[in-house]
């Protein structure tokens, strides 16, 4: 039979594990923290190698200009 002390220790261990899990869930579901982390990752990525970012900007610009030209000059 387990003693009260052993049960109390087991409860403390499980409570600590749940606290860690809840903290991780809070971090994962906190949109402000997630957006800050994403912004930091994007900034670091751009500073490390900006070329792919500029290629992406160019591709988006080509698509936008093409869409506008299609709307303006396309056959109705």
PDB file of N, CA and C in Angstrom:
ATOM      1  N   UNK A   1       0.843  -1.180   0.000  1.00  0.00           N
ATOM      2  CA  UNK A   1       0.000   0.000   0.000  1.00  0.00           C
ATOM      3  C   UNK A   1       0.891   1.246   0.000  1.00  0.00           C
ATOM      4  N   UNK A   2       0.514   2.237  -0.768  1.00  0.00           N
ATOM      5  CA  UNK A   2       1.327   3.447  -0.866  1.00  0.00           C
ATOM      6  C   UNK A   2       1.003   4.394   0.273  1.00  0.00           C
ATOM      7  N   UNK A   3       2.026   5.087   0.685  1.00  0.00           N
ATOM      8  CA  UNK A   3       1.839   6.019   1.794  1.00  0.00           C
ATOM      9  C   UNK A   3       1.345   7.361   1.268  1.00  0.00           C
ATOM     10  N   UNK A   4       0.917   8.178   2.183  1.00  0.00           N
ATOM     11  CA  UNK A   4       0.433   9.515   1.806  1.00  0.00           C
ATOM     12  C   UNK A   4       1.561  10.345   1.192  1.00  0.00           C
ATOM     13  N   UNK A   5       2.755  10.154   1.716  1.00  0.00           N
ATOM     14  CA  UNK A   5       3.897  10.903   1.205  1.00  0.00           C
ATOM     15  C   UNK A   5       4.177  10.535  -0.251  1.00  0.00           C
ATOM     16  N   UNK A   6       4.120   9.253  -0.586  1.00  0.00           N
ATOM     17  CA  UNK A   6       4.346   8.812  -1.965  1.00  0.00           C
ATOM     18  C   UNK A   6       3.271   9.353  -2.896  1.00  0.00           C
ATOM     19  N   UNK A   7       2.033   9.336  -2.430  1.00  0.00           N
ATOM     20  CA  UNK A   7       0.930   9.870  -3.234  1.00  0.00           C
ATOM     21  C   UNK A   7       1.117  11.366  -3.454  1.00  0.00           C
ATOM     22  N   UNK A   8       1.506  12.081  -2.399  1.00  0.00           N
ATOM     23  CA  UNK A   8       1.721  13.522  -2.517  1.00  0.00           C
ATOM     24  C   UNK A   8       2.858  13.824  -3.495  1.00  0.00           C
ATOM     25  N   UNK A   9       3.923  13.023  -3.446  1.00  0.00           N
ATOM     26  CA  UNK A   9       5.036  13.214  -4.379  1.00  0.00           C
ATOM     27  C   UNK A   9       4.601  12.949  -5.820  1.00  0.00           C
ATOM     28  N   UNK A  10       3.815  11.902  -6.022  1.00  0.00           N
ATOM     29  CA  UNK A  10       3.311  11.585  -7.365  1.00  0.00           C
ATOM     30  C   UNK A  10       2.410  12.701  -7.886  1.00  0.00           C
ATOM     31  N   UNK A  11       1.588  13.229  -7.016  1.00  0.00           N
ATOM     32  CA  UNK A  11       0.709  14.344  -7.404  1.00  0.00           C
ATOM     33  C   UNK A  11       1.551  15.557  -7.790  1.00  0.00           C
ATOM     34  N   UNK A  12       2.593  15.841  -7.018  1.00  0.00           N
ATOM     35  CA  UNK A  12       3.452  16.990  -7.312  1.00  0.00           C
ATOM     36  C   UNK A  12       4.139  16.825  -8.665  1.00  0.00           C
ATOM     37  N   UNK A  13       4.617  15.617  -8.951  1.00  0.00           N
ATOM     38  CA  UNK A  13       5.281  15.361 -10.232  1.00  0.00           C
ATOM     39  C   UNK A  13       4.299  15.542 -11.385  1.00  0.00           C
ATOM     40  N   UNK A  14       3.119  14.991 -11.249  1.00  0.00           N
ATOM     41  CA  UNK A  14       2.120  15.119 -12.325  1.00  0.00           C
ATOM     42  C   UNK A  14       1.658  16.559 -12.494  1.00  0.00           C
ATOM     43  N   UNK A  15       1.521  17.271 -11.389  1.00  0.00           N
ATOM     44  CA  UNK A  15       1.109  18.674 -11.449  1.00  0.00           C
ATOM     45  C   UNK A  15       2.163  19.501 -12.189  1.00  0.00           C
ATOM     46  N   UNK A  16       3.428  19.223 -11.924  1.00  0.00           N
ATOM     47  CA  UNK A  16       4.507  19.925 -12.616  1.00  0.00           C
ATOM     48  C   UNK A  16       4.484  19.621 -14.114  1.00  0.00           C
ATOM     49  N   UNK A  17       4.249  18.369 -14.455  1.00  0.00           N
ATOM     50  CA  UNK A  17       4.156  17.995 -15.864  1.00  0.00           C
ATOM     51  C   UNK A  17       2.997  18.685 -16.562  1.00  0.00           C
ATOM     52  N   UNK A  18       1.871  18.774 -15.881  1.00  0.00           N
ATOM     53  CA  UNK A  18       0.715  19.465 -16.458  1.00  0.00           C
ATOM     54  C   UNK A  18       0.982  20.955 -16.614  1.00  0.00           C
ATOM     55  N   UNK A  19       1.692  21.542 -15.664  1.00  0.00           N
ATOM     56  CA  UNK A  19       2.009  22.967 -15.758  1.00  0.00           C
ATOM     57  C   UNK A  19       2.870  23.239 -16.988  1.00  0.00           C
ATOM     58  N   UNK A  20       3.835  22.372 -17.246  1.00  0.00           N
ATOM     59  CA  UNK A  20       4.687  22.528 -18.431  1.00  0.00           C
ATOM     60  C   UNK A  20       3.849  22.388 -19.697  1.00  0.00           C
ATOM     61  N   UNK A  21       2.969  21.399 -19.715  1.00  0.00           N
ATOM     62  CA  UNK A  21       2.109  21.185 -20.879  1.00  0.00           C
ATOM     63  C   UNK A  21       1.209  22.390 -21.121  1.00  0.00           C
ATOM     64  N   UNK A  22       0.640  22.938 -20.060  1.00  0.00           N
ATOM     65  CA  UNK A  22      -0.227  24.107 -20.206  1.00  0.00           C
ATOM     66  C   UNK A  22       0.558  25.321 -20.692  1.00  0.00           C
ATOM     67  N   UNK A  23       1.774  25.476 -20.217  1.00  0.00           N
ATOM     68  CA  UNK A  23       2.610  26.585 -20.677  1.00  0.00           C
ATOM     69  C   UNK A  23       2.920  26.443 -22.164  1.00  0.00           C
ATOM     70  N   UNK A  24       3.229  25.220 -22.590  1.00  0.00           N
ATOM     71  CA  UNK A  24       3.497  24.986 -24.012  1.00  0.00           C
ATOM     72  C   UNK A  24       2.258  25.254 -24.856  1.00  0.00           C
ATOM     73  N   UNK A  25       1.099  24.839 -24.378  1.00  0.00           N
ATOM     74  CA  UNK A  25      -0.147  25.103 -25.105  1.00  0.00           C
ATOM     75  C   UNK A  25      -0.427  26.595 -25.184  1.00  0.00           C
ATOM     76  N   UNK A  26      -0.194  27.300 -24.085  1.00  0.00           N
ATOM     77  CA  UNK A  26      -0.417  28.738 -24.069  1.00  0.00           C
ATOM     78  C   UNK A  26       0.487  29.423 -25.088  1.00  0.00           C
ATOM     79  N   UNK A  27       1.748  29.006 -25.142  1.00  0.00           N
ATOM     80  CA  UNK A  27       2.666  29.582 -26.128  1.00  0.00           C
ATOM     81  C   UNK A  27       2.223  29.267 -27.553  1.00  0.00           C
ATOM     82  N   UNK A  28       1.772  28.043 -27.787  1.00  0.00           N
ATOM     83  CA  UNK A  28       1.376  27.634 -29.135  1.00  0.00           C
ATOM     84  C   UNK A  28       0.109  28.343 -29.600  1.00  0.00           C
ATOM     85  N   UNK A  29      -0.782  28.664 -28.680  1.00  0.00           N
ATOM     86  CA  UNK A  29      -2.057  29.270 -29.055  1.00  0.00           C
ATOM     87  C   UNK A  29      -2.069  30.791 -28.929  1.00  0.00           C
ATOM     88  N   UNK A  30      -1.002  31.373 -28.427  1.00  0.00           N
ATOM     89  CA  UNK A  30      -0.929  32.818 -28.270  1.00  0.00           C
ATOM     90  C   UNK A  30      -0.511  33.433 -29.608  1.00  0.00           C
ATOM     91  N   UNK A  31      -1.452  34.060 -30.280  1.00  0.00           N
ATOM     92  CA  UNK A  31      -1.201  34.586 -31.623  1.00  0.00           C
ATOM     93  C   UNK A  31      -0.156  35.703 -31.621  1.00  0.00           C
ATOM     94  N   UNK A  32      -0.145  36.517 -30.579  1.00  0.00           N
ATOM     95  CA  UNK A  32       0.826  37.607 -30.523  1.00  0.00           C
ATOM     96  C   UNK A  32       2.248  37.044 -30.455  1.00  0.00           C
ATOM     97  N   UNK A  33       2.466  36.041 -29.606  1.00  0.00           N
ATOM     98  CA  UNK A  33       3.790  35.426 -29.504  1.00  0.00           C
ATOM     99  C   UNK A  33       4.168  34.738 -30.807  1.00  0.00           C
ATOM    100  N   UNK A  34       3.206  34.050 -31.414  1.00  0.00           N
ATOM    101  CA  UNK A  34       3.492  33.344 -32.666  1.00  0.00           C
ATOM    102  C   UNK A  34       3.849  34.325 -33.781  1.00  0.00           C
ATOM    103  N   UNK A  35       3.126  35.449 -33.849  1.00  0.00           N
ATOM    104  CA  UNK A  35       3.425  36.424 -34.903  1.00  0.00           C
ATOM    105  C   UNK A  35       4.788  37.074 -34.668  1.00  0.00           C
ATOM    106  N   UNK A  36       5.147  37.300 -33.402  1.00  0.00           N
ATOM    107  CA  UNK A  36       6.471  37.854 -33.114  1.00  0.00           C
ATOM    108  C   UNK A  36       7.571  36.869 -33.500  1.00  0.00           C
ATOM    109  N   UNK A  37       7.367  35.587 -33.193  1.00  0.00           N
ATOM    110  CA  UNK A  37       8.359  34.574 -33.569  1.00  0.00           C
ATOM    111  C   UNK A  37       8.499  34.485 -35.086  1.00  0.00           C
ATOM    112  N   UNK A  38       7.368  34.528 -35.781  1.00  0.00           N
ATOM    113  CA  UNK A  38       7.406  34.470 -37.242  1.00  0.00           C
ATOM    114  C   UNK A  38       8.130  35.681 -37.815  1.00  0.00           C
ATOM    115  N   UNK A  39       7.850  36.859 -37.261  1.00  0.00           N
ATOM    116  CA  UNK A  39       8.527  38.071 -37.730  1.00  0.00           C
ATOM    117  C   UNK A  39      10.033  37.977 -37.497  1.00  0.00           C
ATOM    118  N   UNK A  40      10.431  37.434 -36.357  1.00  0.00           N
ATOM    119  CA  UNK A  40      11.859  37.269 -36.073  1.00  0.00           C
ATOM    120  C   UNK A  40      12.505  36.286 -37.052  1.00  0.00           C
ATOM    121  N   UNK A  41      11.802  35.180 -37.343  1.00  0.00           N
ATOM    122  CA  UNK A  41      12.331  34.199 -38.293  1.00  0.00           C
ATOM    123  C   UNK A  41      12.464  34.806 -39.685  1.00  0.00           C
ATOM    124  N   UNK A  42      11.446  35.561 -40.096  1.00  0.00           N
ATOM    125  CA  UNK A  42      11.474  36.166 -41.425  1.00  0.00           C
ATOM    126  C   UNK A  42      12.597  37.199 -41.527  1.00  0.00           C
ATOM    127  N   UNK A  43      12.770  37.995 -40.486  1.00  0.00           N
ATOM    128  CA  UNK A  43      13.832  38.993 -40.486  1.00  0.00           C
ATOM    129  C   UNK A  43      15.201  38.327 -40.565  1.00  0.00           C
ATOM    130  N   UNK A  44      15.387  37.271 -39.778  1.00  0.00           N
ATOM    131  CA  UNK A  44      16.664  36.553 -39.802  1.00  0.00           C
ATOM    132  C   UNK A  44      16.900  35.919 -41.170  1.00  0.00           C
ATOM    133  N   UNK A  45      15.853  35.373 -41.761  1.00  0.00           N
ATOM    134  CA  UNK A  45      15.975  34.753 -43.081  1.00  0.00           C
ATOM    135  C   UNK A  45      16.362  35.790 -44.131  1.00  0.00           C
ATOM    136  N   UNK A  46      15.725  36.952 -44.084  1.00  0.00           N
ATOM    137  CA  UNK A  46      16.033  38.009 -45.048  1.00  0.00           C
ATOM    138  C   UNK A  46      17.463  38.513 -44.866  1.00  0.00           C
ATOM    139  N   UNK A  47      17.870  38.681 -43.608  1.00  0.00           N
ATOM    140  CA  UNK A  47      19.224  39.175 -43.356  1.00  0.00           C
ATOM    141  C   UNK A  47      20.284  38.164 -43.782  1.00  0.00           C
ATOM    142  N   UNK A  48      19.970  36.889 -43.669  1.00  0.00           N
ATOM    143  CA  UNK A  48      20.923  35.852 -44.055  1.00  0.00           C
ATOM    144  C   UNK A  48      21.061  35.767 -45.576  1.00  0.00           C
ATOM    145  N   UNK A  49      19.925  35.813 -46.294  1.00  0.00           N
ATOM    146  CA  UNK A  49      19.960  35.702 -47.755  1.00  0.00           C
ATOM    147  C   UNK A  49      18.718  36.387 -48.330  1.00  0.00           C
ATOM    148  N   UNK A  50      18.821  37.641 -48.769  1.00  0.00           N
ATOM    149  CA  UNK A  50      17.645  38.362 -49.261  1.00  0.00           C
ATOM    150  C   UNK A  50      17.213  37.989 -50.678  1.00  0.00           C
ATOM    151  N   UNK A  51      18.035  37.275 -51.420  1.00  0.00           N
ATOM    152  CA  UNK A  51      17.725  36.972 -52.823  1.00  0.00           C
ATOM    153  C   UNK A  51      16.380  36.268 -53.009  1.00  0.00           C
ATOM    154  N   UNK A  52      16.070  35.196 -52.270  1.00  0.00           N
ATOM    155  CA  UNK A  52      14.762  34.557 -52.467  1.00  0.00           C
ATOM    156  C   UNK A  52      13.593  35.492 -52.172  1.00  0.00           C
ATOM    157  N   UNK A  53      13.796  36.389 -51.230  1.00  0.00           N
ATOM    158  CA  UNK A  53      12.727  37.337 -50.916  1.00  0.00           C
ATOM    159  C   UNK A  53      12.478  38.283 -52.087  1.00  0.00           C
ATOM    160  N   UNK A  54      13.551  38.751 -52.710  1.00  0.00           N
ATOM    161  CA  UNK A  54      13.385  39.643 -53.857  1.00  0.00           C
ATOM    162  C   UNK A  54      12.808  38.908 -55.055  1.00  0.00           C
ATOM    163  N   UNK A  55      13.153  37.658 -55.227  1.00  0.00           N
ATOM    164  CA  UNK A  55      12.545  36.858 -56.299  1.00  0.00           C
ATOM    165  C   UNK A  55      11.043  36.724 -56.053  1.00  0.00           C
ATOM    166  N   UNK A  56      10.663  36.495 -54.807  1.00  0.00           N
ATOM    167  CA  UNK A  56       9.241  36.398 -54.460  1.00  0.00           C
ATOM    168  C   UNK A  56       8.502  37.697 -54.710  1.00  0.00           C
ATOM    169  N   UNK A  57       9.123  38.814 -54.355  1.00  0.00           N
ATOM    170  CA  UNK A  57       8.507  40.124 -54.605  1.00  0.00           C
ATOM    171  C   UNK A  57       8.326  40.334 -56.101  1.00  0.00           C
ATOM    172  N   UNK A  58       9.330  39.976 -56.874  1.00  0.00           N
ATOM    173  CA  UNK A  58       9.224  40.115 -58.328  1.00  0.00           C
ATOM    174  C   UNK A  58       8.121  39.248 -58.903  1.00  0.00           C
ATOM    175  N   UNK A  59       8.002  38.014 -58.414  1.00  0.00           N
ATOM    176  CA  UNK A  59       6.949  37.113 -58.902  1.00  0.00           C
ATOM    177  C   UNK A  59       5.568  37.657 -58.575  1.00  0.00           C
ATOM    178  N   UNK A  60       5.396  38.171 -57.372  1.00  0.00           N
ATOM    179  CA  UNK A  60       4.100  38.748 -56.990  1.00  0.00           C
ATOM    180  C   UNK A  60       3.794  39.969 -57.851  1.00  0.00           C
ATOM    181  N   UNK A  61       4.794  40.787 -58.124  1.00  0.00           N
ATOM    182  CA  UNK A  61       4.582  41.965 -58.967  1.00  0.00           C
ATOM    183  C   UNK A  61       4.168  41.562 -60.378  1.00  0.00           C
ATOM    184  N   UNK A  62       4.811  40.549 -60.939  1.00  0.00           N
ATOM    185  CA  UNK A  62       4.452  40.082 -62.285  1.00  0.00           C
ATOM    186  C   UNK A  62       3.015  39.575 -62.300  1.00  0.00           C
ATOM    187  N   UNK A  63       2.629  38.816 -61.298  1.00  0.00           N
ATOM    188  CA  UNK A  63       1.256  38.295 -61.231  1.00  0.00           C
ATOM    189  C   UNK A  63       0.260  39.439 -61.098  1.00  0.00           C
ATOM    190  N   UNK A  64       0.568  40.426 -60.256  1.00  0.00           N
ATOM    191  CA  UNK A  64      -0.351  41.549 -60.065  1.00  0.00           C
ATOM    192  C   UNK A  64      -0.507  42.356 -61.351  1.00  0.00           C
ATOM    193  N   UNK A  65       0.586  42.662 -62.015  1.00  0.00           N
ATOM    194  CA  UNK A  65       0.517  43.426 -63.270  1.00  0.00           C
ATOM    195  C   UNK A  65      -0.217  42.621 -64.336  1.00  0.00           C
ATOM    196  N   UNK A  66       0.029  41.332 -64.398  1.00  0.00           N
ATOM    197  CA  UNK A  66      -0.667  40.481 -65.373  1.00  0.00           C
ATOM    198  C   UNK A  66      -2.167  40.454 -65.115  1.00  0.00           C
ATOM    199  N   UNK A  67      -2.562  40.375 -63.855  1.00  0.00           N
ATOM    200  CA  UNK A  67      -3.989  40.351 -63.520  1.00  0.00           C
ATOM    201  C   UNK A  67      -4.657  41.664 -63.901  1.00  0.00           C
ATOM    202  N   UNK A  68      -4.000  42.775 -63.625  1.00  0.00           N
ATOM    203  CA  UNK A  68      -4.561  44.080 -63.987  1.00  0.00           C
ATOM    204  C   UNK A  68      -4.649  44.209 -65.505  1.00  0.00           C
ATOM    205  N   UNK A  69      -3.621  43.801 -66.215  1.00  0.00           N
ATOM    206  CA  UNK A  69      -3.644  43.868 -67.682  1.00  0.00           C
ATOM    207  C   UNK A  69      -4.739  42.984 -68.248  1.00  0.00           C
ATOM    208  N   UNK A  70      -4.936  41.823 -67.674  1.00  0.00           N
ATOM    209  CA  UNK A  70      -5.982  40.912 -68.134  1.00  0.00           C
ATOM    210  C   UNK A  70      -7.359  41.543 -67.960  1.00  0.00           C
ATOM    211  N   UNK A  71      -7.560  42.200 -66.801  1.00  0.00           N
ATOM    212  CA  UNK A  71      -8.849  42.847 -66.547  1.00  0.00           C
ATOM    213  C   UNK A  71      -9.060  44.014 -67.506  1.00  0.00           C
ATOM    214  N   UNK A  72      -8.032  44.809 -67.725  1.00  0.00           N
ATOM    215  CA  UNK A  72      -8.185  45.997 -68.562  1.00  0.00           C
ATOM    216  C   UNK A  72      -8.251  45.680 -70.051  1.00  0.00           C
ATOM    217  N   UNK A  73      -7.467  44.741 -70.514  1.00  0.00           N
ATOM    218  CA  UNK A  73      -7.348  44.501 -71.941  1.00  0.00           C
ATOM    219  C   UNK A  73      -7.967  43.192 -72.412  1.00  0.00           C
ATOM    220  N   UNK A  74      -8.530  42.424 -71.506  1.00  0.00           N
ATOM    221  CA  UNK A  74      -9.127  41.146 -71.892  1.00  0.00           C
ATOM    222  C   UNK A  74     -10.431  41.341 -72.655  1.00  0.00           C
ATOM    223  N   UNK A  75     -10.776  40.358 -73.459  1.00  0.00           N
ATOM    224  CA  UNK A  75     -12.026  40.417 -74.218  1.00  0.00           C
ATOM    225  C   UNK A  75     -13.198  40.180 -73.279  1.00  0.00           C
ATOM    226  N   UNK A  76     -14.208  41.001 -73.428  1.00  0.00           N
ATOM    227  CA  UNK A  76     -15.420  40.850 -72.604  1.00  0.00           C
ATOM    228  C   UNK A  76     -16.517  40.184 -73.370  1.00  0.00           C
TER     229      UNK A  76
END
